[in-house]
Amino acid sequence: MTRSRAQDPNVCGVTAAIAVIDGKWKTALLWLLEDGAHRPGELRRKLPGLSEKVLTQALREMETDGLVHREVHDELPLKTVYSLTPFGRELSDALAPLSDWGHRRLERLPKDRLAS
């Protein structure tokens, strides 16, 4: 799905919402930022396999979409901290029932399907 779909007024609301969280890492980043502000290095340590480049790209897109706030503290070394905006928290709250549904779905799957 292209990012332009997130801004197309002619798509359904679900499509527009999914376009904003599309990708492997954005929902995980939302979930981590629910607990409070994090530095990029903290986020990378909590998400093994997430490269610095992809993290930076995802956070920039999330900032552009109004989901996260980037704060740079003027100290040496520079300290950058990301936190959820009220709009990002609203999205996170909206995704909670979907997350619950996903967990219920996983519980229904046969154990042999989960391992593959």
PDB file of N, CA and C in Angstrom:
ATOM      1  N   MET A   1       0.850  -1.174   0.000  1.00  0.00           N
ATOM      2  CA  MET A   1       0.000   0.000   0.000  1.00  0.00           C
ATOM      3  C   MET A   1       0.896   1.237   0.000  1.00  0.00           C
ATOM      4  N   THR A   2       0.521   2.201  -0.781  1.00  0.00           N
ATOM      5  CA  THR A   2       1.347   3.391  -0.865  1.00  0.00           C
ATOM      6  C   THR A   2       0.961   4.396   0.206  1.00  0.00           C
ATOM      7  N   ARG A   3       1.930   5.221   0.580  1.00  0.00           N
ATOM      8  CA  ARG A   3       1.669   6.247   1.599  1.00  0.00           C
ATOM      9  C   ARG A   3       0.654   7.266   1.110  1.00  0.00           C
ATOM     10  N   SER A   4       0.556   7.444  -0.211  1.00  0.00           N
ATOM     11  CA  SER A   4      -0.401   8.417  -0.729  1.00  0.00           C
ATOM     12  C   SER A   4      -1.837   8.016  -0.415  1.00  0.00           C
ATOM     13  N   ARG A   5      -2.080   6.725  -0.196  1.00  0.00           N
ATOM     14  CA  ARG A   5      -3.435   6.263   0.153  1.00  0.00           C
ATOM     15  C   ARG A   5      -3.841   6.789   1.517  1.00  0.00           C
ATOM     16  N   ALA A   6      -2.873   7.095   2.373  1.00  0.00           N
ATOM     17  CA  ALA A   6      -3.189   7.626   3.708  1.00  0.00           C
ATOM     18  C   ALA A   6      -3.748   9.040   3.608  1.00  0.00           C
ATOM     19  N   GLN A   7      -3.549   9.699   2.462  1.00  0.00           N
ATOM     20  CA  GLN A   7      -4.002  11.073   2.298  1.00  0.00           C
ATOM     21  C   GLN A   7      -5.104  11.206   1.254  1.00  0.00           C
ATOM     22  N   ASP A   8      -5.521  10.107   0.669  1.00  0.00           N
ATOM     23  CA  ASP A   8      -6.555  10.135  -0.365  1.00  0.00           C
ATOM     24  C   ASP A   8      -7.931  10.181   0.294  1.00  0.00           C
ATOM     25  N   PRO A   9      -8.685  11.280   0.110  1.00  0.00           N
ATOM     26  CA  PRO A   9      -9.991  11.387   0.754  1.00  0.00           C
ATOM     27  C   PRO A   9     -11.032  10.434   0.172  1.00  0.00           C
ATOM     28  N   ASN A  10     -10.706   9.754  -0.936  1.00  0.00           N
ATOM     29  CA  ASN A  10     -11.660   8.865  -1.589  1.00  0.00           C
ATOM     30  C   ASN A  10     -11.511   7.399  -1.191  1.00  0.00           C
ATOM     31  N   VAL A  11     -10.662   7.091  -0.217  1.00  0.00           N
ATOM     32  CA  VAL A  11     -10.539   5.709   0.247  1.00  0.00           C
ATOM     33  C   VAL A  11     -11.338   5.558   1.541  1.00  0.00           C
ATOM     34  N   CYS A  12     -11.653   4.337   1.879  1.00  0.00           N
ATOM     35  CA  CYS A  12     -12.390   4.130   3.122  1.00  0.00           C
ATOM     36  C   CYS A  12     -11.470   4.439   4.310  1.00  0.00           C
ATOM     37  N   GLY A  13     -12.064   4.734   5.447  1.00  0.00           N
ATOM     38  CA  GLY A  13     -11.300   5.115   6.631  1.00  0.00           C
ATOM     39  C   GLY A  13     -10.345   4.044   7.102  1.00  0.00           C
ATOM     40  N   VAL A  14     -10.746   2.783   6.987  1.00  0.00           N
ATOM     41  CA  VAL A  14      -9.866   1.687   7.414  1.00  0.00           C
ATOM     42  C   VAL A  14      -8.621   1.654   6.541  1.00  0.00           C
ATOM     43  N   THR A  15      -8.783   1.834   5.249  1.00  0.00           N
ATOM     44  CA  THR A  15      -7.638   1.862   4.333  1.00  0.00           C
ATOM     45  C   THR A  15      -6.703   3.009   4.679  1.00  0.00           C
ATOM     46  N   ALA A  16      -7.271   4.180   4.968  1.00  0.00           N
ATOM     47  CA  ALA A  16      -6.452   5.337   5.337  1.00  0.00           C
ATOM     48  C   ALA A  16      -5.696   5.079   6.634  1.00  0.00           C
ATOM     49  N   ALA A  17      -6.341   4.422   7.598  1.00  0.00           N
ATOM     50  CA  ALA A  17      -5.683   4.114   8.874  1.00  0.00           C
ATOM     51  C   ALA A  17      -4.571   3.088   8.678  1.00  0.00           C
ATOM     52  N   ILE A  18      -4.845   2.057   7.905  1.00  0.00           N
ATOM     53  CA  ILE A  18      -3.837   1.012   7.675  1.00  0.00           C
ATOM     54  C   ILE A  18      -2.645   1.579   6.928  1.00  0.00           C
ATOM     55  N   ALA A  19      -2.876   2.510   6.027  1.00  0.00           N
ATOM     56  CA  ALA A  19      -1.761   3.127   5.296  1.00  0.00           C
ATOM     57  C   ALA A  19      -0.803   3.834   6.249  1.00  0.00           C
ATOM     58  N   VAL A  20      -1.316   4.361   7.350  1.00  0.00           N
ATOM     59  CA  VAL A  20      -0.479   5.078   8.318  1.00  0.00           C
ATOM     60  C   VAL A  20       0.359   4.106   9.154  1.00  0.00           C
ATOM     61  N   ILE A  21      -0.160   2.911   9.421  1.00  0.00           N
ATOM     62  CA  ILE A  21       0.571   1.945  10.261  1.00  0.00           C
ATOM     63  C   ILE A  21       1.166   0.813   9.451  1.00  0.00           C
ATOM     64  N   ASP A  22       1.097   0.933   8.130  1.00  0.00           N
ATOM     65  CA  ASP A  22       1.605  -0.106   7.256  1.00  0.00           C
ATOM     66  C   ASP A  22       3.104  -0.296   7.454  1.00  0.00           C
ATOM     67  N   GLY A  23       3.531  -1.510   7.409  1.00  0.00           N
ATOM     68  CA  GLY A  23       4.945  -1.832   7.570  1.00  0.00           C
ATOM     69  C   GLY A  23       5.147  -2.750   8.764  1.00  0.00           C
ATOM     70  N   LYS A  24       6.318  -3.267   8.847  1.00  0.00           N
ATOM     71  CA  LYS A  24       6.636  -4.268   9.865  1.00  0.00           C
ATOM     72  C   LYS A  24       6.764  -3.681  11.265  1.00  0.00           C
ATOM     73  N   TRP A  25       7.196  -2.420  11.396  1.00  0.00           N
ATOM     74  CA  TRP A  25       7.625  -1.918  12.693  1.00  0.00           C
ATOM     75  C   TRP A  25       6.729  -0.871  13.346  1.00  0.00           C
ATOM     76  N   LYS A  26       5.863  -0.243  12.599  1.00  0.00           N
ATOM     77  CA  LYS A  26       5.125   0.902  13.154  1.00  0.00           C
ATOM     78  C   LYS A  26       4.202   0.529  14.310  1.00  0.00           C
ATOM     79  N   THR A  27       3.495  -0.594  14.210  1.00  0.00           N
ATOM     80  CA  THR A  27       2.619  -0.962  15.332  1.00  0.00           C
ATOM     81  C   THR A  27       3.444  -1.302  16.565  1.00  0.00           C
ATOM     82  N   ALA A  28       4.593  -1.934  16.375  1.00  0.00           N
ATOM     83  CA  ALA A  28       5.464  -2.238  17.514  1.00  0.00           C
ATOM     84  C   ALA A  28       5.997  -0.949  18.133  1.00  0.00           C
ATOM     85  N   LEU A  29       6.335   0.031  17.312  1.00  0.00           N
ATOM     86  CA  LEU A  29       6.807   1.318  17.831  1.00  0.00           C
ATOM     87  C   LEU A  29       5.695   2.035  18.599  1.00  0.00           C
ATOM     88  N   LEU A  30       4.480   2.005  18.069  1.00  0.00           N
ATOM     89  CA  LEU A  30       3.346   2.586  18.798  1.00  0.00           C
ATOM     90  C   LEU A  30       3.197   1.933  20.162  1.00  0.00           C
ATOM     91  N   TRP A  31       3.270   0.613  20.170  1.00  0.00           N
ATOM     92  CA  TRP A  31       3.112  -0.150  21.402  1.00  0.00           C
ATOM     93  C   TRP A  31       4.184   0.228  22.430  1.00  0.00           C
ATOM     94  N   LEU A  32       5.431   0.348  21.993  1.00  0.00           N
ATOM     95  CA  LEU A  32       6.510   0.722  22.915  1.00  0.00           C
ATOM     96  C   LEU A  32       6.344   2.160  23.412  1.00  0.00           C
ATOM     97  N   LEU A  33       5.921   3.047  22.542  1.00  0.00           N
ATOM     98  CA  LEU A  33       5.788   4.451  22.932  1.00  0.00           C
ATOM     99  C   LEU A  33       4.572   4.707  23.814  1.00  0.00           C
ATOM    100  N   GLU A  34       3.666   3.734  23.908  1.00  0.00           N
ATOM    101  CA  GLU A  34       2.540   3.867  24.845  1.00  0.00           C
ATOM    102  C   GLU A  34       3.030   4.032  26.278  1.00  0.00           C
ATOM    103  N   ASP A  35       4.156   3.419  26.587  1.00  0.00           N
ATOM    104  CA  ASP A  35       4.707   3.458  27.952  1.00  0.00           C
ATOM    105  C   ASP A  35       5.429   4.757  28.264  1.00  0.00           C
ATOM    106  N   GLY A  36       5.623   5.606  27.273  1.00  0.00           N
ATOM    107  CA  GLY A  36       6.311   6.872  27.500  1.00  0.00           C
ATOM    108  C   GLY A  36       7.376   7.116  26.456  1.00  0.00           C
ATOM    109  N   ALA A  37       8.059   8.228  26.626  1.00  0.00           N
ATOM    110  CA  ALA A  37       9.082   8.648  25.662  1.00  0.00           C
ATOM    111  C   ALA A  37      10.264   7.689  25.665  1.00  0.00           C
ATOM    112  N   HIS A  38      10.848   7.511  24.473  1.00  0.00           N
ATOM    113  CA  HIS A  38      12.020   6.657  24.311  1.00  0.00           C
ATOM    114  C   HIS A  38      13.014   7.327  23.376  1.00  0.00           C
ATOM    115  N   ARG A  39      14.276   7.048  23.631  1.00  0.00           N
ATOM    116  CA  ARG A  39      15.332   7.448  22.707  1.00  0.00           C
ATOM    117  C   ARG A  39      15.412   6.392  21.605  1.00  0.00           C
ATOM    118  N   PRO A  40      15.904   6.774  20.423  1.00  0.00           N
ATOM    119  CA  PRO A  40      15.982   5.809  19.320  1.00  0.00           C
ATOM    120  C   PRO A  40      16.772   4.539  19.672  1.00  0.00           C
ATOM    121  N   GLY A  41      17.857   4.690  20.392  1.00  0.00           N
ATOM    122  CA  GLY A  41      18.650   3.521  20.767  1.00  0.00           C
ATOM    123  C   GLY A  41      17.873   2.554  21.641  1.00  0.00           C
ATOM    124  N   GLU A  42      17.047   3.084  22.530  1.00  0.00           N
ATOM    125  CA  GLU A  42      16.205   2.224  23.373  1.00  0.00           C
ATOM    126  C   GLU A  42      15.218   1.438  22.516  1.00  0.00           C
ATOM    127  N   LEU A  43      14.631   2.115  21.545  1.00  0.00           N
ATOM    128  CA  LEU A  43      13.668   1.448  20.675  1.00  0.00           C
ATOM    129  C   LEU A  43      14.342   0.335  19.878  1.00  0.00           C
ATOM    130  N   ARG A  44      15.541   0.594  19.363  1.00  0.00           N
ATOM    131  CA  ARG A  44      16.265  -0.438  18.594  1.00  0.00           C
ATOM    132  C   ARG A  44      16.611  -1.636  19.465  1.00  0.00           C
ATOM    133  N   ARG A  45      17.020  -1.397  20.700  1.00  0.00           N
ATOM    134  CA  ARG A  45      17.356  -2.516  21.596  1.00  0.00           C
ATOM    135  C   ARG A  45      16.135  -3.378  21.907  1.00  0.00           C
ATOM    136  N   LYS A  46      14.972  -2.752  21.974  1.00  0.00           N
ATOM    137  CA  LYS A  46      13.749  -3.490  22.296  1.00  0.00           C
ATOM    138  C   LYS A  46      13.143  -4.195  21.090  1.00  0.00           C
ATOM    139  N   LEU A  47      13.632  -3.857  19.894  1.00  0.00           N
ATOM    140  CA  LEU A  47      13.119  -4.468  18.670  1.00  0.00           C
ATOM    141  C   LEU A  47      14.276  -5.044  17.850  1.00  0.00           C
ATOM    142  N   PRO A  48      14.782  -6.213  18.247  1.00  0.00           N
ATOM    143  CA  PRO A  48      15.884  -6.824  17.514  1.00  0.00           C
ATOM    144  C   PRO A  48      15.513  -7.015  16.039  1.00  0.00           C
ATOM    145  N   GLY A  49      16.447  -6.723  15.175  1.00  0.00           N
ATOM    146  CA  GLY A  49      16.214  -6.847  13.747  1.00  0.00           C
ATOM    147  C   GLY A  49      15.838  -5.539  13.078  1.00  0.00           C
ATOM    148  N   LEU A  50      15.538  -4.532  13.872  1.00  0.00           N
ATOM    149  CA  LEU A  50      15.189  -3.219  13.330  1.00  0.00           C
ATOM    150  C   LEU A  50      16.465  -2.422  13.114  1.00  0.00           C
ATOM    151  N   SER A  51      16.737  -2.081  11.872  1.00  0.00           N
ATOM    152  CA  SER A  51      17.956  -1.329  11.569  1.00  0.00           C
ATOM    153  C   SER A  51      17.758   0.149  11.900  1.00  0.00           C
ATOM    154  N   GLU A  52      18.857   0.847  12.062  1.00  0.00           N
ATOM    155  CA  GLU A  52      18.795   2.279  12.352  1.00  0.00           C
ATOM    156  C   GLU A  52      18.118   3.034  11.213  1.00  0.00           C
ATOM    157  N   LYS A  53      18.422   2.656   9.988  1.00  0.00           N
ATOM    158  CA  LYS A  53      17.838   3.311   8.822  1.00  0.00           C
ATOM    159  C   LYS A  53      16.318   3.148   8.800  1.00  0.00           C
ATOM    160  N   VAL A  54      15.842   1.937   9.006  1.00  0.00           N
ATOM    161  CA  VAL A  54      14.402   1.673   8.969  1.00  0.00           C
ATOM    162  C   VAL A  54      13.713   2.347  10.158  1.00  0.00           C
ATOM    163  N   LEU A  55      14.359   2.342  11.319  1.00  0.00           N
ATOM    164  CA  LEU A  55      13.797   3.021  12.480  1.00  0.00           C
ATOM    165  C   LEU A  55      13.632   4.508  12.196  1.00  0.00           C
ATOM    166  N   THR A  56      14.670   5.125  11.669  1.00  0.00           N
ATOM    167  CA  THR A  56      14.623   6.555  11.362  1.00  0.00           C
ATOM    168  C   THR A  56      13.516   6.847  10.363  1.00  0.00           C
ATOM    169  N   GLN A  57      13.406   6.034   9.326  1.00  0.00           N
ATOM    170  CA  GLN A  57      12.374   6.226   8.308  1.00  0.00           C
ATOM    171  C   GLN A  57      10.974   6.093   8.919  1.00  0.00           C
ATOM    172  N   ALA A  58      10.770   5.053   9.723  1.00  0.00           N
ATOM    173  CA  ALA A  58       9.455   4.829  10.327  1.00  0.00           C
ATOM    174  C   ALA A  58       9.080   5.981  11.263  1.00  0.00           C
ATOM    175  N   LEU A  59      10.033   6.417  12.090  1.00  0.00           N
ATOM    176  CA  LEU A  59       9.746   7.504  13.022  1.00  0.00           C
ATOM    177  C   LEU A  59       9.473   8.814  12.279  1.00  0.00           C
ATOM    178  N   ARG A  60      10.191   9.061  11.201  1.00  0.00           N
ATOM    179  CA  ARG A  60       9.940  10.277  10.407  1.00  0.00           C
ATOM    180  C   ARG A  60       8.547  10.242   9.790  1.00  0.00           C
ATOM    181  N   GLU A  61       8.162   9.089   9.255  1.00  0.00           N
ATOM    182  CA  GLU A  61       6.821   8.963   8.685  1.00  0.00           C
ATOM    183  C   GLU A  61       5.759   9.129   9.766  1.00  0.00           C
ATOM    184  N   MET A  62       5.988   8.534  10.920  1.00  0.00           N
ATOM    185  CA  MET A  62       5.034   8.650  12.020  1.00  0.00           C
ATOM    186  C   MET A  62       4.946  10.096  12.515  1.00  0.00           C
ATOM    187  N   GLU A  63       6.069  10.809  12.489  1.00  0.00           N
ATOM    188  CA  GLU A  63       6.064  12.220  12.864  1.00  0.00           C
ATOM    189  C   GLU A  63       5.282  13.033  11.831  1.00  0.00           C
ATOM    190  N   THR A  64       5.511  12.767  10.556  1.00  0.00           N
ATOM    191  CA  THR A  64       4.791  13.451   9.484  1.00  0.00           C
ATOM    192  C   THR A  64       3.286  13.215   9.595  1.00  0.00           C
ATOM    193  N   ASP A  65       2.910  12.001   9.996  1.00  0.00           N
ATOM    194  CA  ASP A  65       1.494  11.652  10.135  1.00  0.00           C
ATOM    195  C   ASP A  65       0.887  12.157  11.450  1.00  0.00           C
ATOM    196  N   GLY A  66       1.713  12.805  12.283  1.00  0.00           N
ATOM    197  CA  GLY A  66       1.204  13.378  13.528  1.00  0.00           C
ATOM    198  C   GLY A  66       1.051  12.389  14.661  1.00  0.00           C
ATOM    199  N   LEU A  67       1.697  11.221  14.551  1.00  0.00           N
ATOM    200  CA  LEU A  67       1.565  10.185  15.581  1.00  0.00           C
ATOM    201  C   LEU A  67       2.596  10.318  16.694  1.00  0.00           C
ATOM    202  N   VAL A  68       3.786  10.781  16.342  1.00  0.00           N
ATOM    203  CA  VAL A  68       4.849  10.915  17.344  1.00  0.00           C
ATOM    204  C   VAL A  68       5.398  12.331  17.342  1.00  0.00           C
ATOM    205  N   HIS A  69       5.923  12.696  18.494  1.00  0.00           N
ATOM    206  CA  HIS A  69       6.582  13.985  18.671  1.00  0.00           C
ATOM    207  C   HIS A  69       8.070  13.718  18.845  1.00  0.00           C
ATOM    208  N   ARG A  70       8.878  14.458  18.105  1.00  0.00           N
ATOM    209  CA  ARG A  70      10.334  14.336  18.201  1.00  0.00           C
ATOM    210  C   ARG A  70      10.842  15.554  18.944  1.00  0.00           C
ATOM    211  N   GLU A  71      11.562  15.299  20.032  1.00  0.00           N
ATOM    212  CA  GLU A  71      12.122  16.385  20.834  1.00  0.00           C
ATOM    213  C   GLU A  71      13.634  16.222  20.900  1.00  0.00           C
ATOM    214  N   VAL A  72      14.328  17.261  20.508  1.00  0.00           N
ATOM    215  CA  VAL A  72      15.794  17.243  20.549  1.00  0.00           C
ATOM    216  C   VAL A  72      16.223  18.137  21.700  1.00  0.00           C
ATOM    217  N   HIS A  73      16.923  17.557  22.659  1.00  0.00           N
ATOM    218  CA  HIS A  73      17.432  18.306  23.808  1.00  0.00           C
ATOM    219  C   HIS A  73      18.783  18.909  23.428  1.00  0.00           C
ATOM    220  N   ASP A  74      18.923  20.181  23.675  1.00  0.00           N
ATOM    221  CA  ASP A  74      20.132  20.915  23.301  1.00  0.00           C
ATOM    222  C   ASP A  74      21.217  20.709  24.356  1.00  0.00           C
ATOM    223  N   GLU A  75      21.820  19.554  24.284  1.00  0.00           N
ATOM    224  CA  GLU A  75      22.922  19.214  25.177  1.00  0.00           C
ATOM    225  C   GLU A  75      23.896  18.362  24.381  1.00  0.00           C
ATOM    226  N   LEU A  76      25.086  18.250  24.861  1.00  0.00           N
ATOM    227  CA  LEU A  76      26.079  17.427  24.175  1.00  0.00           C
ATOM    228  C   LEU A  76      26.324  16.157  24.967  1.00  0.00           C
ATOM    229  N   PRO A  77      26.265  15.005  24.359  1.00  0.00           N
ATOM    230  CA  PRO A  77      25.830  14.794  22.980  1.00  0.00           C
ATOM    231  C   PRO A  77      24.326  15.072  22.851  1.00  0.00           C
ATOM    232  N   LEU A  78      23.898  15.375  21.621  1.00  0.00           N
ATOM    233  CA  LEU A  78      22.487  15.645  21.379  1.00  0.00           C
ATOM    234  C   LEU A  78      21.637  14.462  21.818  1.00  0.00           C
ATOM    235  N   LYS A  79      20.527  14.765  22.418  1.00  0.00           N
ATOM    236  CA  LYS A  79      19.626  13.723  22.909  1.00  0.00           C
ATOM    237  C   LYS A  79      18.276  13.907  22.222  1.00  0.00           C
ATOM    238  N   THR A  80      17.858  12.908  21.463  1.00  0.00           N
ATOM    239  CA  THR A  80      16.575  12.927  20.783  1.00  0.00           C
ATOM    240  C   THR A  80      15.644  11.951  21.475  1.00  0.00           C
ATOM    241  N   VAL A  81      14.414  12.395  21.715  1.00  0.00           N
ATOM    242  CA  VAL A  81      13.419  11.572  22.398  1.00  0.00           C
ATOM    243  C   VAL A  81      12.126  11.605  21.584  1.00  0.00           C
ATOM    244  N   TYR A  82      11.501  10.439  21.446  1.00  0.00           N
ATOM    245  CA  TYR A  82      10.233  10.326  20.731  1.00  0.00           C
ATOM    246  C   TYR A  82       9.140   9.932  21.721  1.00  0.00           C
ATOM    247  N   SER A  83       7.970  10.546  21.531  1.00  0.00           N
ATOM    248  CA  SER A  83       6.815  10.219  22.361  1.00  0.00           C
ATOM    249  C   SER A  83       5.561  10.271  21.493  1.00  0.00           C
ATOM    250  N   LEU A  84       4.499   9.644  21.977  1.00  0.00           N
ATOM    251  CA  LEU A  84       3.239   9.690  21.250  1.00  0.00           C
ATOM    252  C   LEU A  84       2.591  11.050  21.406  1.00  0.00           C
ATOM    253  N   THR A  85       2.000  11.529  20.339  1.00  0.00           N
ATOM    254  CA  THR A  85       1.174  12.723  20.400  1.00  0.00           C
ATOM    255  C   THR A  85      -0.222  12.281  20.861  1.00  0.00           C
ATOM    256  N   PRO A  86      -1.091  13.214  21.221  1.00  0.00           N
ATOM    257  CA  PRO A  86      -2.471  12.816  21.531  1.00  0.00           C
ATOM    258  C   PRO A  86      -3.134  12.065  20.366  1.00  0.00           C
ATOM    259  N   PHE A  87      -2.828  12.476  19.137  1.00  0.00           N
ATOM    260  CA  PHE A  87      -3.367  11.793  17.957  1.00  0.00           C
ATOM    261  C   PHE A  87      -2.824  10.367  17.857  1.00  0.00           C
ATOM    262  N   GLY A  88      -1.533  10.190  18.176  1.00  0.00           N
ATOM    263  CA  GLY A  88      -0.933   8.862  18.175  1.00  0.00           C
ATOM    264  C   GLY A  88      -1.518   7.984  19.268  1.00  0.00           C
ATOM    265  N   ARG A  89      -1.781   8.563  20.433  1.00  0.00           N
ATOM    266  CA  ARG A  89      -2.395   7.813  21.528  1.00  0.00           C
ATOM    267  C   ARG A  89      -3.815   7.393  21.144  1.00  0.00           C
ATOM    268  N   GLU A  90      -4.512   8.281  20.424  1.00  0.00           N
ATOM    269  CA  GLU A  90      -5.854   7.960  19.953  1.00  0.00           C
ATOM    270  C   GLU A  90      -5.815   6.754  19.003  1.00  0.00           C
ATOM    271  N   LEU A  91      -4.834   6.728  18.113  1.00  0.00           N
ATOM    272  CA  LEU A  91      -4.678   5.584  17.212  1.00  0.00           C
ATOM    273  C   LEU A  91      -4.354   4.323  17.999  1.00  0.00           C
ATOM    274  N   SER A  92      -3.463   4.451  18.958  1.00  0.00           N
ATOM    275  CA  SER A  92      -3.094   3.309  19.783  1.00  0.00           C
ATOM    276  C   SER A  92      -4.312   2.744  20.518  1.00  0.00           C
ATOM    277  N   ASP A  93      -5.128   3.630  21.058  1.00  0.00           N
ATOM    278  CA  ASP A  93      -6.357   3.198  21.740  1.00  0.00           C
ATOM    279  C   ASP A  93      -7.316   2.519  20.770  1.00  0.00           C
ATOM    280  N   ALA A  94      -7.395   3.049  19.546  1.00  0.00           N
ATOM    281  CA  ALA A  94      -8.276   2.463  18.541  1.00  0.00           C
ATOM    282  C   ALA A  94      -7.796   1.070  18.119  1.00  0.00           C
ATOM    283  N   LEU A  95      -6.483   0.843  18.160  1.00  0.00           N
ATOM    284  CA  LEU A  95      -5.925  -0.456  17.760  1.00  0.00           C
ATOM    285  C   LEU A  95      -6.038  -1.515  18.862  1.00  0.00           C
ATOM    286  N   ALA A  96      -6.281  -1.101  20.094  1.00  0.00           N
ATOM    287  CA  ALA A  96      -6.340  -2.054  21.217  1.00  0.00           C
ATOM    288  C   ALA A  96      -7.365  -3.168  20.977  1.00  0.00           C
ATOM    289  N   PRO A  97      -8.595  -2.869  20.562  1.00  0.00           N
ATOM    290  CA  PRO A  97      -9.541  -3.969  20.301  1.00  0.00           C
ATOM    291  C   PRO A  97      -9.077  -4.884  19.166  1.00  0.00           C
ATOM    292  N   LEU A  98      -8.427  -4.337  18.162  1.00  0.00           N
ATOM    293  CA  LEU A  98      -7.897  -5.161  17.074  1.00  0.00           C
ATOM    294  C   LEU A  98      -6.811  -6.092  17.600  1.00  0.00           C
ATOM    295  N   SER A  99      -5.973  -5.571  18.487  1.00  0.00           N
ATOM    296  CA  SER A  99      -4.941  -6.392  19.118  1.00  0.00           C
ATOM    297  C   SER A  99      -5.569  -7.529  19.928  1.00  0.00           C
ATOM    298  N   ASP A 100      -6.607  -7.211  20.676  1.00  0.00           N
ATOM    299  CA  ASP A 100      -7.307  -8.247  21.457  1.00  0.00           C
ATOM    300  C   ASP A 100      -7.868  -9.326  20.535  1.00  0.00           C
ATOM    301  N   TRP A 101      -8.462  -8.894  19.414  1.00  0.00           N
ATOM    302  CA  TRP A 101      -9.002  -9.843  18.449  1.00  0.00           C
ATOM    303  C   TRP A 101      -7.888 -10.730  17.907  1.00  0.00           C
ATOM    304  N   GLY A 102      -6.745 -10.129  17.604  1.00  0.00           N
ATOM    305  CA  GLY A 102      -5.617 -10.895  17.079  1.00  0.00           C
ATOM    306  C   GLY A 102      -5.132 -11.955  18.068  1.00  0.00           C
ATOM    307  N   HIS A 103      -5.084 -11.594  19.350  1.00  0.00           N
ATOM    308  CA  HIS A 103      -4.677 -12.575  20.363  1.00  0.00           C
ATOM    309  C   HIS A 103      -5.697 -13.708  20.460  1.00  0.00           C
ATOM    310  N   ARG A 104      -6.997 -13.384  20.392  1.00  0.00           N
ATOM    311  CA  ARG A 104      -8.025 -14.434  20.421  1.00  0.00           C
ATOM    312  C   ARG A 104      -7.898 -15.350  19.203  1.00  0.00           C
ATOM    313  N   ARG A 105      -7.564 -14.766  18.050  1.00  0.00           N
ATOM    314  CA  ARG A 105      -7.368 -15.560  16.846  1.00  0.00           C
ATOM    315  C   ARG A 105      -6.204 -16.524  17.013  1.00  0.00           C
ATOM    316  N   LEU A 106      -5.111 -16.015  17.568  1.00  0.00           N
ATOM    317  CA  LEU A 106      -3.951 -16.881  17.778  1.00  0.00           C
ATOM    318  C   LEU A 106      -4.268 -18.033  18.719  1.00  0.00           C
ATOM    319  N   GLU A 107      -5.079 -17.777  19.733  1.00  0.00           N
ATOM    320  CA  GLU A 107      -5.467 -18.837  20.673  1.00  0.00           C
ATOM    321  C   GLU A 107      -6.289 -19.923  19.992  1.00  0.00           C
ATOM    322  N   ARG A 108      -7.014 -19.569  18.938  1.00  0.00           N
ATOM    323  CA  ARG A 108      -7.864 -20.526  18.229  1.00  0.00           C
ATOM    324  C   ARG A 108      -7.101 -21.376  17.231  1.00  0.00           C
ATOM    325  N   LEU A 109      -5.921 -20.924  16.825  1.00  0.00           N
ATOM    326  CA  LEU A 109      -5.147 -21.675  15.841  1.00  0.00           C
ATOM    327  C   LEU A 109      -4.616 -22.970  16.442  1.00  0.00           C
ATOM    328  N   PRO A 110      -4.590 -24.035  15.643  1.00  0.00           N
ATOM    329  CA  PRO A 110      -3.968 -25.273  16.138  1.00  0.00           C
ATOM    330  C   PRO A 110      -2.496 -25.018  16.467  1.00  0.00           C
ATOM    331  N   LYS A 111      -2.026 -25.626  17.492  1.00  0.00           N
ATOM    332  CA  LYS A 111      -0.649 -25.416  17.949  1.00  0.00           C
ATOM    333  C   LYS A 111       0.372 -25.696  16.855  1.00  0.00           C
ATOM    334  N   ASP A 112       0.130 -26.664  15.989  1.00  0.00           N
ATOM    335  CA  ASP A 112       1.093 -26.985  14.940  1.00  0.00           C
ATOM    336  C   ASP A 112       1.175 -25.877  13.885  1.00  0.00           C
ATOM    337  N   ARG A 113       0.140 -25.076  13.702  1.00  0.00           N
ATOM    338  CA  ARG A 113       0.192 -23.952  12.749  1.00  0.00           C
ATOM    339  C   ARG A 113       1.003 -22.793  13.297  1.00  0.00           C
ATOM    340  N   LEU A 114       1.047 -22.621  14.609  1.00  0.00           N
ATOM    341  CA  LEU A 114       1.785 -21.520  15.209  1.00  0.00           C
ATOM    342  C   LEU A 114       3.290 -21.704  15.064  1.00  0.00           C
ATOM    343  N   ALA A 115       3.747 -22.934  15.068  1.00  0.00           N
ATOM    344  CA  ALA A 115       5.189 -23.214  15.014  1.00  0.00           C
ATOM    345  C   ALA A 115       5.756 -22.997  13.611  1.00  0.00           C
ATOM    346  N   SER A 116       4.930 -23.096  12.577  1.00  0.00           N
ATOM    347  CA  SER A 116       5.466 -22.984  11.214  1.00  0.00           C
ATOM    348  C   SER A 116       5.566 -21.577  10.730  1.00  0.00           C
TER     349      SER A 116
END
